[in-house]
Amino acid sequence: MSEIAAPEKRAAGLQWPPRTLLLAHHGTAGAERALELALSLAAPGTTRLLHLYVVPDFWGGMQGDDWLNNAWTRDAFADHVENQLAQEARERMGAVASRCASAGVGCTPILRYGKPAGCLIAAAREGGADLVVIGPPRPKGELGLRSRMDLETLARGLAAPLLIAR
């Protein structure tokens, strides 16, 4: 990554170093690259990192297999899935918070359920993000939730600059 000189950053409309950096991270290899990039851009004692973890909304409509044959069983299964996803989110958010603490960067976790792009736009607006960092699109076959970031929606909806880690 080439370093941009501070005057060029100001000319591009960037607050530098960013005071509030929003990181979308959900544990994939691309998200790890985004975390590395975010931490390299963050200034300890100045930058506050907002860590957004989105549980995509596709799971909400799951009905399960034929054995889920009554409303109580379907509801219990939905609660189980939601609890498992929330537990995984807490673990991943704790790991990011630990990495930020080691780097001397303050971290605020944010857990959202919904469409990734919409959640990211809302979190950036609500958190006053100066910069948003995400990972690259996940290659087919790589482990992780089967959700995709709608980059067109994201580009149109974000007020802050967007960096995509490679």
N, C-alpha and C. Protein backbone atom coordinates (compact mmCIF):
# COMPACT_ATOMS: atom_id res chain seq x y z
N MET A 1 0.85 -1.17 0.00
CA MET A 1 0.00 0.00 0.00
C MET A 1 0.90 1.23 0.00
N SER A 2 0.65 2.17 -0.88
CA SER A 2 1.44 3.39 -0.89
C SER A 2 0.82 4.40 0.06
N GLU A 3 1.66 5.13 0.71
CA GLU A 3 1.22 6.12 1.68
C GLU A 3 0.85 7.41 0.95
N ILE A 4 -0.30 7.95 1.27
CA ILE A 4 -0.75 9.23 0.69
C ILE A 4 -0.26 10.33 1.62
N ALA A 5 0.35 11.35 1.08
CA ALA A 5 0.84 12.46 1.89
C ALA A 5 -0.34 13.17 2.54
N ALA A 6 -0.14 13.66 3.77
CA ALA A 6 -1.21 14.31 4.52
C ALA A 6 -1.91 15.42 3.74
N PRO A 7 -1.19 16.32 3.00
CA PRO A 7 -1.90 17.35 2.25
C PRO A 7 -2.85 16.76 1.21
N GLU A 8 -2.43 15.65 0.58
CA GLU A 8 -3.31 15.01 -0.40
C GLU A 8 -4.55 14.44 0.28
N LYS A 9 -4.41 13.95 1.48
CA LYS A 9 -5.55 13.42 2.23
C LYS A 9 -6.53 14.54 2.51
N ARG A 10 -6.02 15.69 2.94
CA ARG A 10 -6.91 16.82 3.23
C ARG A 10 -7.58 17.29 1.95
N ALA A 11 -6.83 17.30 0.84
CA ALA A 11 -7.39 17.75 -0.42
C ALA A 11 -8.49 16.82 -0.90
N ALA A 12 -8.37 15.54 -0.54
CA ALA A 12 -9.39 14.57 -0.94
C ALA A 12 -10.61 14.64 -0.03
N GLY A 13 -10.61 15.54 0.94
CA GLY A 13 -11.76 15.68 1.84
C GLY A 13 -11.73 14.72 3.00
N LEU A 14 -10.61 14.07 3.25
CA LEU A 14 -10.51 13.13 4.34
C LEU A 14 -10.09 13.82 5.63
N GLN A 15 -10.68 13.45 6.73
CA GLN A 15 -10.21 13.86 8.05
C GLN A 15 -9.04 12.95 8.38
N TRP A 16 -7.84 13.54 8.59
CA TRP A 16 -6.69 12.67 8.82
C TRP A 16 -5.91 13.07 10.04
N PRO A 17 -5.58 12.17 10.91
CA PRO A 17 -6.04 10.78 10.88
C PRO A 17 -7.54 10.73 11.16
N PRO A 18 -8.19 9.69 10.70
CA PRO A 18 -9.64 9.62 10.93
C PRO A 18 -9.95 9.58 12.43
N ARG A 19 -10.93 10.35 12.84
CA ARG A 19 -11.35 10.33 14.24
C ARG A 19 -12.28 9.14 14.49
N THR A 20 -13.12 8.86 13.52
CA THR A 20 -14.03 7.72 13.63
C THR A 20 -13.94 6.88 12.36
N LEU A 21 -13.47 5.67 12.52
CA LEU A 21 -13.28 4.75 11.40
C LEU A 21 -14.25 3.58 11.59
N LEU A 22 -15.10 3.36 10.61
CA LEU A 22 -16.05 2.25 10.66
C LEU A 22 -15.47 1.07 9.91
N LEU A 23 -15.36 -0.06 10.60
CA LEU A 23 -14.85 -1.29 10.03
C LEU A 23 -15.98 -2.32 9.98
N ALA A 24 -16.24 -2.86 8.79
CA ALA A 24 -17.16 -3.99 8.67
C ALA A 24 -16.30 -5.25 8.75
N HIS A 25 -16.58 -6.08 9.74
CA HIS A 25 -15.75 -7.27 9.96
C HIS A 25 -16.63 -8.40 10.47
N HIS A 26 -16.57 -9.54 9.80
CA HIS A 26 -17.38 -10.69 10.19
C HIS A 26 -16.57 -11.98 10.23
N GLY A 27 -15.25 -11.85 10.25
CA GLY A 27 -14.42 -13.02 10.49
C GLY A 27 -13.84 -13.73 9.29
N THR A 28 -14.14 -13.31 8.09
CA THR A 28 -13.56 -13.98 6.92
C THR A 28 -12.13 -13.48 6.69
N ALA A 29 -11.44 -14.12 5.76
CA ALA A 29 -10.07 -13.71 5.43
C ALA A 29 -10.05 -12.27 4.91
N GLY A 30 -11.03 -11.91 4.10
CA GLY A 30 -11.11 -10.54 3.59
C GLY A 30 -11.37 -9.53 4.70
N ALA A 31 -12.18 -9.91 5.66
CA ALA A 31 -12.45 -9.04 6.81
C ALA A 31 -11.19 -8.85 7.65
N GLU A 32 -10.37 -9.90 7.74
CA GLU A 32 -9.10 -9.78 8.46
C GLU A 32 -8.17 -8.79 7.76
N ARG A 33 -8.18 -8.81 6.42
CA ARG A 33 -7.38 -7.83 5.68
C ARG A 33 -7.90 -6.42 5.92
N ALA A 34 -9.22 -6.28 6.02
CA ALA A 34 -9.82 -4.97 6.31
C ALA A 34 -9.41 -4.50 7.70
N LEU A 35 -9.37 -5.41 8.67
CA LEU A 35 -8.94 -5.05 10.03
C LEU A 35 -7.50 -4.58 10.02
N GLU A 36 -6.63 -5.29 9.32
CA GLU A 36 -5.22 -4.88 9.23
C GLU A 36 -5.10 -3.49 8.62
N LEU A 37 -5.84 -3.24 7.55
CA LEU A 37 -5.82 -1.93 6.91
C LEU A 37 -6.34 -0.86 7.87
N ALA A 38 -7.45 -1.13 8.53
CA ALA A 38 -8.04 -0.17 9.46
C ALA A 38 -7.06 0.18 10.58
N LEU A 39 -6.41 -0.84 11.14
CA LEU A 39 -5.46 -0.58 12.23
C LEU A 39 -4.23 0.18 11.73
N SER A 40 -3.84 -0.04 10.48
CA SER A 40 -2.69 0.70 9.94
C SER A 40 -3.03 2.17 9.71
N LEU A 41 -4.29 2.48 9.53
CA LEU A 41 -4.74 3.85 9.30
C LEU A 41 -5.12 4.58 10.58
N ALA A 42 -5.42 3.83 11.62
CA ALA A 42 -5.88 4.40 12.88
C ALA A 42 -4.70 4.99 13.66
N ALA A 43 -4.96 6.10 14.32
CA ALA A 43 -3.95 6.74 15.17
C ALA A 43 -4.32 6.49 16.62
N PRO A 44 -3.48 5.73 17.35
CA PRO A 44 -3.78 5.47 18.76
C PRO A 44 -4.03 6.79 19.52
N GLY A 45 -5.06 6.80 20.32
CA GLY A 45 -5.40 7.99 21.10
C GLY A 45 -6.22 9.01 20.34
N THR A 46 -6.33 8.85 19.02
CA THR A 46 -7.09 9.79 18.19
C THR A 46 -8.27 9.11 17.51
N THR A 47 -8.01 7.95 16.91
CA THR A 47 -9.03 7.26 16.13
C THR A 47 -9.85 6.33 17.02
N ARG A 48 -11.15 6.40 16.85
CA ARG A 48 -12.08 5.46 17.48
C ARG A 48 -12.58 4.55 16.37
N LEU A 49 -12.43 3.25 16.56
CA LEU A 49 -12.86 2.29 15.56
C LEU A 49 -14.24 1.77 15.94
N LEU A 50 -15.18 1.88 15.02
CA LEU A 50 -16.51 1.29 15.18
C LEU A 50 -16.48 -0.04 14.43
N HIS A 51 -16.68 -1.13 15.15
CA HIS A 51 -16.66 -2.45 14.52
C HIS A 51 -18.08 -2.90 14.29
N LEU A 52 -18.47 -2.95 13.02
CA LEU A 52 -19.82 -3.38 12.66
C LEU A 52 -19.80 -4.85 12.27
N TYR A 53 -20.62 -5.62 12.96
CA TYR A 53 -20.80 -7.04 12.63
C TYR A 53 -22.26 -7.19 12.22
N VAL A 54 -22.49 -7.61 10.99
CA VAL A 54 -23.85 -7.75 10.48
C VAL A 54 -24.21 -9.22 10.36
N VAL A 55 -25.32 -9.59 10.97
CA VAL A 55 -25.90 -10.92 10.75
C VAL A 55 -26.91 -10.72 9.63
N PRO A 56 -26.64 -11.27 8.44
CA PRO A 56 -27.52 -11.05 7.30
C PRO A 56 -28.94 -11.55 7.58
N ASP A 57 -29.89 -10.90 6.94
CA ASP A 57 -31.29 -11.22 7.19
C ASP A 57 -31.79 -12.47 6.48
N PHE A 58 -30.96 -13.11 5.66
CA PHE A 58 -31.43 -14.28 4.92
C PHE A 58 -31.83 -15.44 5.83
N TRP A 59 -31.22 -15.55 7.00
CA TRP A 59 -31.50 -16.69 7.87
C TRP A 59 -32.89 -16.59 8.50
N GLY A 60 -33.45 -15.40 8.60
CA GLY A 60 -34.70 -15.20 9.30
C GLY A 60 -35.87 -15.98 8.73
N GLY A 61 -35.86 -16.24 7.44
CA GLY A 61 -36.97 -16.95 6.83
C GLY A 61 -36.81 -18.45 6.82
N MET A 62 -35.74 -18.95 7.43
CA MET A 62 -35.52 -20.40 7.43
C MET A 62 -36.65 -21.12 8.16
N GLN A 63 -37.11 -22.17 7.57
CA GLN A 63 -38.13 -22.99 8.21
C GLN A 63 -37.57 -24.34 8.62
N GLY A 64 -36.38 -24.68 8.14
CA GLY A 64 -35.80 -25.96 8.50
C GLY A 64 -36.33 -27.08 7.64
N ASP A 65 -36.09 -28.30 8.08
CA ASP A 65 -36.49 -29.48 7.33
C ASP A 65 -37.88 -29.95 7.74
N ASP A 66 -38.28 -31.06 7.16
CA ASP A 66 -39.61 -31.61 7.40
C ASP A 66 -39.88 -31.90 8.87
N TRP A 67 -38.83 -32.17 9.65
CA TRP A 67 -39.06 -32.50 11.05
C TRP A 67 -39.56 -31.30 11.84
N LEU A 68 -39.43 -30.10 11.25
CA LEU A 68 -39.95 -28.90 11.92
C LEU A 68 -41.42 -28.75 11.51
N ASN A 69 -42.26 -29.57 12.10
CA ASN A 69 -43.62 -29.67 11.59
C ASN A 69 -44.67 -28.93 12.40
N ASN A 70 -44.28 -28.15 13.40
CA ASN A 70 -45.27 -27.34 14.09
C ASN A 70 -44.67 -25.99 14.46
N ALA A 71 -45.52 -25.04 14.82
CA ALA A 71 -45.08 -23.67 15.08
C ALA A 71 -44.09 -23.61 16.24
N TRP A 72 -44.33 -24.38 17.30
CA TRP A 72 -43.43 -24.33 18.46
C TRP A 72 -42.03 -24.79 18.07
N THR A 73 -41.94 -25.87 17.30
CA THR A 73 -40.64 -26.40 16.89
C THR A 73 -39.93 -25.41 15.97
N ARG A 74 -40.67 -24.81 15.03
CA ARG A 74 -40.06 -23.81 14.14
C ARG A 74 -39.54 -22.63 14.94
N ASP A 75 -40.33 -22.15 15.91
CA ASP A 75 -39.90 -21.01 16.73
C ASP A 75 -38.68 -21.37 17.59
N ALA A 76 -38.68 -22.57 18.15
CA ALA A 76 -37.54 -23.00 18.96
C ALA A 76 -36.29 -23.10 18.09
N PHE A 77 -36.45 -23.61 16.87
CA PHE A 77 -35.32 -23.71 15.95
C PHE A 77 -34.81 -22.32 15.58
N ALA A 78 -35.72 -21.39 15.30
CA ALA A 78 -35.33 -20.01 14.96
C ALA A 78 -34.58 -19.37 16.13
N ASP A 79 -35.07 -19.60 17.36
CA ASP A 79 -34.37 -19.06 18.54
C ASP A 79 -32.97 -19.65 18.66
N HIS A 80 -32.86 -20.95 18.41
CA HIS A 80 -31.56 -21.62 18.48
C HIS A 80 -30.60 -21.02 17.46
N VAL A 81 -31.05 -20.85 16.22
CA VAL A 81 -30.19 -20.29 15.17
C VAL A 81 -29.79 -18.87 15.55
N GLU A 82 -30.73 -18.07 16.01
CA GLU A 82 -30.42 -16.69 16.39
C GLU A 82 -29.40 -16.65 17.53
N ASN A 83 -29.57 -17.52 18.51
CA ASN A 83 -28.62 -17.57 19.63
C ASN A 83 -27.23 -18.00 19.16
N GLN A 84 -27.15 -18.97 18.25
CA GLN A 84 -25.86 -19.41 17.72
C GLN A 84 -25.18 -18.28 16.95
N LEU A 85 -25.94 -17.57 16.12
CA LEU A 85 -25.38 -16.46 15.35
C LEU A 85 -24.93 -15.33 16.28
N ALA A 86 -25.70 -15.05 17.32
CA ALA A 86 -25.33 -14.00 18.27
C ALA A 86 -24.07 -14.39 19.04
N GLN A 87 -23.94 -15.66 19.41
CA GLN A 87 -22.75 -16.12 20.12
C GLN A 87 -21.51 -15.98 19.23
N GLU A 88 -21.63 -16.38 17.98
CA GLU A 88 -20.52 -16.24 17.05
C GLU A 88 -20.15 -14.76 16.88
N ALA A 89 -21.15 -13.90 16.79
CA ALA A 89 -20.90 -12.46 16.66
C ALA A 89 -20.17 -11.93 17.88
N ARG A 90 -20.58 -12.32 19.08
CA ARG A 90 -19.91 -11.87 20.31
C ARG A 90 -18.45 -12.30 20.33
N GLU A 91 -18.19 -13.53 19.92
CA GLU A 91 -16.81 -14.03 19.90
C GLU A 91 -15.95 -13.24 18.92
N ARG A 92 -16.47 -13.01 17.73
CA ARG A 92 -15.71 -12.27 16.72
C ARG A 92 -15.53 -10.81 17.14
N MET A 93 -16.56 -10.21 17.73
CA MET A 93 -16.45 -8.82 18.17
C MET A 93 -15.43 -8.71 19.30
N GLY A 94 -15.38 -9.70 20.18
CA GLY A 94 -14.38 -9.70 21.24
C GLY A 94 -12.97 -9.80 20.69
N ALA A 95 -12.78 -10.61 19.65
CA ALA A 95 -11.46 -10.76 19.05
C ALA A 95 -10.99 -9.46 18.40
N VAL A 96 -11.91 -8.76 17.71
CA VAL A 96 -11.54 -7.48 17.10
C VAL A 96 -11.23 -6.45 18.18
N ALA A 97 -12.03 -6.41 19.23
CA ALA A 97 -11.79 -5.46 20.34
C ALA A 97 -10.43 -5.70 20.96
N SER A 98 -10.05 -6.97 21.10
CA SER A 98 -8.75 -7.31 21.67
C SER A 98 -7.62 -6.82 20.77
N ARG A 99 -7.76 -7.02 19.46
CA ARG A 99 -6.73 -6.54 18.51
C ARG A 99 -6.61 -5.03 18.56
N CYS A 100 -7.75 -4.35 18.66
CA CYS A 100 -7.73 -2.88 18.74
C CYS A 100 -7.05 -2.43 20.02
N ALA A 101 -7.38 -3.08 21.13
CA ALA A 101 -6.77 -2.71 22.42
C ALA A 101 -5.25 -2.90 22.35
N SER A 102 -4.81 -3.97 21.73
CA SER A 102 -3.36 -4.21 21.59
C SER A 102 -2.69 -3.11 20.77
N ALA A 103 -3.43 -2.53 19.83
CA ALA A 103 -2.89 -1.47 18.98
C ALA A 103 -3.09 -0.08 19.60
N GLY A 104 -3.74 -0.01 20.77
CA GLY A 104 -3.99 1.27 21.42
C GLY A 104 -5.11 2.07 20.79
N VAL A 105 -6.00 1.39 20.08
CA VAL A 105 -7.11 2.05 19.38
C VAL A 105 -8.41 1.69 20.09
N GLY A 106 -9.20 2.70 20.44
CA GLY A 106 -10.50 2.46 21.06
C GLY A 106 -11.44 1.79 20.08
N CYS A 107 -12.26 0.88 20.58
CA CYS A 107 -13.15 0.10 19.71
C CYS A 107 -14.55 0.05 20.32
N THR A 108 -15.55 0.32 19.48
CA THR A 108 -16.95 0.20 19.88
C THR A 108 -17.61 -0.83 18.99
N PRO A 109 -18.07 -1.96 19.55
CA PRO A 109 -18.74 -2.97 18.72
C PRO A 109 -20.19 -2.59 18.43
N ILE A 110 -20.63 -2.93 17.23
CA ILE A 110 -22.01 -2.69 16.81
C ILE A 110 -22.51 -3.97 16.17
N LEU A 111 -23.60 -4.52 16.68
CA LEU A 111 -24.21 -5.73 16.11
C LEU A 111 -25.53 -5.35 15.47
N ARG A 112 -25.68 -5.70 14.20
CA ARG A 112 -26.92 -5.41 13.47
C ARG A 112 -27.40 -6.65 12.75
N TYR A 113 -28.70 -6.72 12.54
CA TYR A 113 -29.33 -7.78 11.75
C TYR A 113 -29.97 -7.11 10.54
N GLY A 114 -29.67 -7.60 9.35
CA GLY A 114 -30.29 -7.02 8.16
C GLY A 114 -29.42 -7.18 6.94
N LYS A 115 -29.66 -6.31 5.98
CA LYS A 115 -28.88 -6.31 4.75
C LYS A 115 -27.57 -5.58 5.01
N PRO A 116 -26.43 -6.19 4.66
CA PRO A 116 -25.13 -5.60 5.00
C PRO A 116 -24.95 -4.14 4.56
N ALA A 117 -25.28 -3.82 3.32
CA ALA A 117 -25.07 -2.44 2.84
C ALA A 117 -25.92 -1.45 3.63
N GLY A 118 -27.17 -1.76 3.84
CA GLY A 118 -28.05 -0.85 4.59
C GLY A 118 -27.58 -0.66 6.02
N CYS A 119 -27.14 -1.75 6.65
CA CYS A 119 -26.64 -1.65 8.02
C CYS A 119 -25.37 -0.82 8.08
N LEU A 120 -24.50 -0.96 7.07
CA LEU A 120 -23.25 -0.21 7.03
C LEU A 120 -23.52 1.28 6.84
N ILE A 121 -24.42 1.61 5.94
CA ILE A 121 -24.77 3.01 5.69
C ILE A 121 -25.34 3.64 6.96
N ALA A 122 -26.24 2.94 7.62
CA ALA A 122 -26.85 3.47 8.85
C ALA A 122 -25.82 3.63 9.95
N ALA A 123 -24.94 2.64 10.12
CA ALA A 123 -23.93 2.73 11.18
C ALA A 123 -22.95 3.87 10.91
N ALA A 124 -22.59 4.07 9.65
CA ALA A 124 -21.67 5.17 9.30
C ALA A 124 -22.32 6.52 9.62
N ARG A 125 -23.58 6.66 9.28
CA ARG A 125 -24.30 7.90 9.54
C ARG A 125 -24.47 8.13 11.05
N GLU A 126 -24.93 7.11 11.76
CA GLU A 126 -25.18 7.24 13.20
C GLU A 126 -23.89 7.44 13.99
N GLY A 127 -22.80 6.82 13.54
CA GLY A 127 -21.54 6.91 14.26
C GLY A 127 -20.67 8.07 13.83
N GLY A 128 -21.08 8.81 12.79
CA GLY A 128 -20.29 9.93 12.31
C GLY A 128 -18.95 9.50 11.74
N ALA A 129 -18.94 8.40 10.99
CA ALA A 129 -17.69 7.86 10.45
C ALA A 129 -17.04 8.83 9.47
N ASP A 130 -15.72 9.01 9.65
CA ASP A 130 -14.92 9.80 8.72
C ASP A 130 -14.42 8.93 7.57
N LEU A 131 -14.35 7.62 7.82
CA LEU A 131 -13.81 6.68 6.85
C LEU A 131 -14.44 5.31 7.11
N VAL A 132 -14.73 4.57 6.04
CA VAL A 132 -15.30 3.23 6.13
C VAL A 132 -14.35 2.26 5.45
N VAL A 133 -14.05 1.15 6.13
CA VAL A 133 -13.15 0.13 5.58
C VAL A 133 -13.87 -1.21 5.57
N ILE A 134 -13.85 -1.86 4.41
CA ILE A 134 -14.43 -3.20 4.27
C ILE A 134 -13.42 -4.10 3.57
N GLY A 135 -13.68 -5.40 3.61
CA GLY A 135 -12.84 -6.35 2.92
C GLY A 135 -13.28 -6.52 1.48
N PRO A 136 -12.48 -7.22 0.69
CA PRO A 136 -12.84 -7.49 -0.71
C PRO A 136 -13.96 -8.52 -0.78
N PRO A 137 -14.63 -8.60 -1.91
CA PRO A 137 -15.65 -9.64 -2.07
C PRO A 137 -15.03 -11.02 -1.82
N ARG A 138 -15.78 -11.88 -1.15
CA ARG A 138 -15.30 -13.22 -0.83
C ARG A 138 -15.36 -14.12 -2.05
N PRO A 139 -14.25 -14.80 -2.33
CA PRO A 139 -14.27 -15.74 -3.46
C PRO A 139 -15.24 -16.89 -3.20
N LYS A 140 -15.78 -17.42 -4.27
CA LYS A 140 -16.67 -18.57 -4.13
C LYS A 140 -15.91 -19.71 -3.49
N GLY A 141 -16.58 -20.42 -2.61
CA GLY A 141 -15.98 -21.57 -1.94
C GLY A 141 -15.30 -21.24 -0.63
N GLU A 142 -15.07 -19.96 -0.35
CA GLU A 142 -14.44 -19.59 0.92
C GLU A 142 -15.50 -19.62 2.02
N LEU A 143 -15.11 -20.09 3.20
CA LEU A 143 -16.05 -20.20 4.31
C LEU A 143 -16.57 -18.84 4.74
N GLY A 144 -17.80 -18.83 5.27
CA GLY A 144 -18.42 -17.62 5.79
C GLY A 144 -19.89 -17.59 5.42
N LEU A 145 -20.61 -16.66 6.03
CA LEU A 145 -22.03 -16.51 5.71
C LEU A 145 -22.18 -16.15 4.24
N ARG A 146 -23.18 -16.68 3.61
CA ARG A 146 -23.39 -16.46 2.19
C ARG A 146 -24.17 -15.17 1.96
N SER A 147 -23.55 -14.08 2.30
CA SER A 147 -24.14 -12.77 2.05
C SER A 147 -23.17 -11.98 1.20
N ARG A 148 -23.66 -11.03 0.49
CA ARG A 148 -22.82 -10.20 -0.35
C ARG A 148 -23.13 -8.73 -0.05
N MET A 149 -22.08 -7.92 -0.08
CA MET A 149 -22.23 -6.49 0.08
C MET A 149 -22.69 -5.93 -1.25
N ASP A 150 -23.75 -5.15 -1.25
CA ASP A 150 -24.24 -4.49 -2.45
C ASP A 150 -23.44 -3.20 -2.61
N LEU A 151 -22.37 -3.27 -3.40
CA LEU A 151 -21.46 -2.14 -3.52
C LEU A 151 -22.11 -0.91 -4.15
N GLU A 152 -23.05 -1.10 -5.06
CA GLU A 152 -23.72 0.05 -5.67
C GLU A 152 -24.54 0.79 -4.61
N THR A 153 -25.32 0.06 -3.83
CA THR A 153 -26.10 0.67 -2.75
C THR A 153 -25.17 1.36 -1.77
N LEU A 154 -24.08 0.72 -1.44
CA LEU A 154 -23.12 1.27 -0.49
C LEU A 154 -22.51 2.57 -1.03
N ALA A 155 -22.05 2.56 -2.27
CA ALA A 155 -21.42 3.74 -2.85
C ALA A 155 -22.39 4.91 -2.94
N ARG A 156 -23.64 4.63 -3.24
CA ARG A 156 -24.63 5.71 -3.34
C ARG A 156 -25.06 6.23 -1.98
N GLY A 157 -25.03 5.38 -0.96
CA GLY A 157 -25.58 5.76 0.33
C GLY A 157 -24.59 6.30 1.34
N LEU A 158 -23.29 6.01 1.17
CA LEU A 158 -22.30 6.46 2.15
C LEU A 158 -21.95 7.93 1.95
N ALA A 159 -21.86 8.67 3.05
CA ALA A 159 -21.39 10.05 3.00
C ALA A 159 -19.88 10.10 3.24
N ALA A 160 -19.32 9.05 3.82
CA ALA A 160 -17.89 8.97 4.14
C ALA A 160 -17.15 8.24 3.04
N PRO A 161 -15.85 8.49 2.89
CA PRO A 161 -15.04 7.73 1.92
C PRO A 161 -15.01 6.24 2.29
N LEU A 162 -14.92 5.41 1.27
CA LEU A 162 -14.90 3.96 1.42
C LEU A 162 -13.58 3.42 0.91
N LEU A 163 -12.91 2.59 1.75
CA LEU A 163 -11.72 1.86 1.33
C LEU A 163 -12.02 0.38 1.35
N ILE A 164 -11.64 -0.31 0.28
CA ILE A 164 -11.81 -1.75 0.20
C ILE A 164 -10.43 -2.38 0.25
N ALA A 165 -10.20 -3.19 1.28
CA ALA A 165 -8.90 -3.86 1.44
C ALA A 165 -8.74 -4.90 0.34
N ARG A 166 -7.51 -5.15 -0.02
CA ARG A 166 -7.22 -6.17 -1.03
C ARG A 166 -6.44 -7.29 -0.42
